[in-house]
C-alpha atoms as a PDB file:
ATOM      1  CA  MET A   1      -0.189   0.004   0.288  1.00  0.00           C
ATOM      2  CA  LYS A   2       3.038   2.570   0.861  1.00  0.00           C
ATOM      3  CA  LYS A   3       4.199   1.629  -2.758  1.00  0.00           C
ATOM      4  CA  LEU A   4       1.189   3.059  -4.463  1.00  0.00           C
ATOM      5  CA  MET A   5       1.003   5.649  -1.932  1.00  0.00           C
ATOM      6  CA  TYR A   6       4.050   6.864  -3.263  1.00  0.00           C
ATOM      7  CA  LYS A   7       3.296   6.605  -6.789  1.00  0.00           C
ATOM      8  CA  ILE A   8       0.295   8.323  -6.516  1.00  0.00           C
ATOM      9  CA  MET A   9       1.079  11.200  -4.057  1.00  0.00           C
ATOM     10  CA  LEU A  10       3.252  14.183  -5.346  1.00  0.00           C
ATOM     11  CA  THR A  11       6.443  15.568  -2.795  1.00  0.00           C
ATOM     12  CA  CYS A  12       6.232  19.283  -1.769  1.00  0.00           C
ATOM     13  CA  LYS A  13       8.996  19.556  -4.232  1.00  0.00           C
ATOM     14  CA  GLN A  14       6.808  17.939  -7.117  1.00  0.00           C
ATOM     15  CA  ALA A  15       3.900  19.718  -5.877  1.00  0.00           C
ATOM     16  CA  THR A  16       5.511  23.576  -5.828  1.00  0.00           C
ATOM     17  CA  PHE A  17       6.990  22.503  -9.323  1.00  0.00           C
ATOM     18  CA  TYR A  18       3.608  21.490 -11.190  1.00  0.00           C
ATOM     19  CA  SER A  19       1.843  24.766  -9.319  1.00  0.00           C
ATOM     20  CA  SER A  20       4.247  26.820 -10.790  1.00  0.00           C
ATOM     21  CA  ILE A  21       4.053  25.256 -14.748  1.00  0.00           C
ATOM     22  CA  LYS A  22       0.546  25.067 -14.429  1.00  0.00           C
ATOM     23  CA  SER A  23      -0.226  28.819 -14.827  1.00  0.00           C
ATOM     24  CA  PHE A  24       1.452  28.746 -18.339  1.00  0.00           C
ATOM     25  CA  LYS A  25       0.317  25.121 -19.608  1.00  0.00           C
ATOM     26  CA  LYS A  26      -2.260  22.558 -18.994  1.00  0.00           C
ATOM     27  CA  LEU A  27      -1.216  19.637 -16.639  1.00  0.00           C
ATOM     28  CA  GLU A  28      -2.069  16.262 -17.693  1.00  0.00           C
ATOM     29  CA  PHE A  29      -5.665  14.869 -15.872  1.00  0.00           C
ATOM     30  CA  VAL A  30      -3.247  12.711 -13.624  1.00  0.00           C
ATOM     31  CA  ARG A  31      -1.025  14.965 -13.001  1.00  0.00           C
ATOM     32  CA  GLY A  32      -4.017  17.699 -11.631  1.00  0.00           C
ATOM     33  CA  ILE A  33      -5.538  14.790  -9.694  1.00  0.00           C
ATOM     34  CA  GLN A  34      -2.242  14.424  -7.459  1.00  0.00           C
ATOM     35  CA  LEU A  35      -1.863  17.985  -7.263  1.00  0.00           C
ATOM     36  CA  LYS A  36      -5.029  18.520  -5.967  1.00  0.00           C
ATOM     37  CA  LEU A  37      -4.917  15.555  -3.683  1.00  0.00           C
ATOM     38  CA  HIS A  38      -1.350  17.064  -2.575  1.00  0.00           C
ATOM     39  CA  PHE A  39      -3.196  20.618  -1.718  1.00  0.00           C
ATOM     40  CA  MET A  40      -5.552  18.689   0.400  1.00  0.00           C
ATOM     41  CA  ALA A  41      -3.251  16.948   2.224  1.00  0.00           C
ATOM     42  CA  CYS A  42      -0.512  19.742   2.152  1.00  0.00           C
ATOM     43  CA  LYS A  43      -1.674  23.206   3.712  1.00  0.00           C
ATOM     44  CA  ASN A  44       1.886  24.891   2.914  1.00  0.00           C
ATOM     45  CA  CYS A  45       1.774  23.635  -0.789  1.00  0.00           C
ATOM     46  CA  HIS A  46      -1.909  24.880  -1.043  1.00  0.00           C
ATOM     47  CA  GLU A  47      -0.597  28.533   0.191  1.00  0.00           C
ATOM     48  CA  PHE A  48       2.105  28.793  -2.017  1.00  0.00           C
ATOM     49  CA  ASP A  49      -0.052  27.798  -4.925  1.00  0.00           C
ATOM     50  CA  HIS A  50      -2.658  30.290  -4.205  1.00  0.00           C
ATOM     51  CA  GLN A  51       0.252  32.920  -3.780  1.00  0.00           C
ATOM     52  CA  SER A  52       1.711  32.040  -6.824  1.00  0.00           C
ATOM     53  CA  GLN A  53      -2.071  33.035  -8.449  1.00  0.00           C
ATOM     54  CA  VAL A  54      -2.259  36.225  -6.895  1.00  0.00           C
ATOM     55  CA  ILE A  55       1.254  36.906  -8.140  1.00  0.00           C
ATOM     56  CA  ASP A  56       0.410  35.739 -11.510  1.00  0.00           C
ATOM     57  CA  GLN A  57      -2.758  37.580 -11.571  1.00  0.00           C
ATOM     58  CA  SER A  58      -1.110  40.717 -10.155  1.00  0.00           C
ATOM     59  CA  LEU A  59       1.491  40.399 -13.087  1.00  0.00           C
ATOM     60  CA  VAL A  60      -0.602  40.092 -15.644  1.00  0.00           C
ATOM     61  CA  ASN A  61      -3.021  43.292 -14.262  1.00  0.00           C
ATOM     62  CA  PHE A  62       0.094  45.004 -14.208  1.00  0.00           C
ATOM     63  CA  HIS A  63       1.104  44.437 -17.663  1.00  0.00           C
ATOM     64  CA  LYS A  64      -2.989  45.279 -18.768  1.00  0.00           C
ATOM     65  CA  ASN A  65      -2.680  48.634 -16.818  1.00  0.00           C
ATOM     66  CA  ASN A  66       0.561  49.830 -17.565  1.00  0.00           C
ATOM     67  CA  THR A  67       1.335  53.152 -17.799  1.00  0.00           C
ATOM     68  CA  LEU A  68       5.027  53.518 -17.567  1.00  0.00           C
ATOM     69  CA  GLN A  69       5.072  51.411 -21.229  1.00  0.00           C
ATOM     70  CA  SER A  70       9.260  52.905 -21.519  1.00  0.00           C
ATOM     71  CA  GLU A  71      11.952  54.317 -20.184  1.00  0.00           C
ATOM     72  CA  GLU A  72      11.266  57.753 -22.170  1.00  0.00           C
ATOM     73  CA  LYS A  73       8.533  58.927 -19.860  1.00  0.00           C
ATOM     74  CA  LEU A  74      11.086  59.332 -17.235  1.00  0.00           C
ATOM     75  CA  SER A  75      13.603  62.130 -17.579  1.00  0.00           C
ATOM     76  CA  LYS A  76      17.101  61.019 -17.698  1.00  0.00           C
ATOM     77  CA  GLU A  77      18.024  62.244 -14.276  1.00  0.00           C
ATOM     78  CA  LYS A  78      15.117  60.355 -12.793  1.00  0.00           C
ATOM     79  CA  ILE A  79      16.374  56.960 -14.452  1.00  0.00           C
ATOM     80  CA  ALA A  80      20.004  57.834 -12.849  1.00  0.00           C
ATOM     81  CA  GLU A  81      18.329  58.702  -9.590  1.00  0.00           C
ATOM     82  CA  LEU A  82      16.801  55.152  -9.431  1.00  0.00           C
ATOM     83  CA  LYS A  83      19.497  53.504 -10.658  1.00  0.00           C
ATOM     84  CA  ASP A  84      21.969  54.932  -8.044  1.00  0.00           C
ATOM     85  CA  LEU A  85      18.952  53.965  -5.489  1.00  0.00           C
ATOM     86  CA  ILE A  86      18.845  50.337  -6.799  1.00  0.00           C
ATOM     87  CA  ASN A  87      22.670  50.065  -6.741  1.00  0.00           C
ATOM     88  CA  GLN A  88      22.956  51.429  -2.928  1.00  0.00           C
ATOM     89  CA  ARG A  89      20.551  49.058  -1.640  1.00  0.00           C
ATOM     90  CA  THR A  90      21.509  45.613  -3.559  1.00  0.00           C
ATOM     91  CA  LYS A  91      25.406  46.075  -2.287  1.00  0.00           C
END
């Protein structure tokens, strides 16, 4: 019975992998069922999936509503200022 469970249930690593790619391509039917079963048993992976969906949707919304479409809308001084700030915070 344990061998069967290991074949059916995904590990957390597999579940997060499939959770990440399911927004880009449709999962096979069996993988989708395995993922749902894993989410029912593992609340952390379920929460990861939920947060990934929120991030993906936020990126889609940002892309659709992006008012800053190119760097040309910022002044050269502002671009330099932002680059300096990023460099300071990433050191």
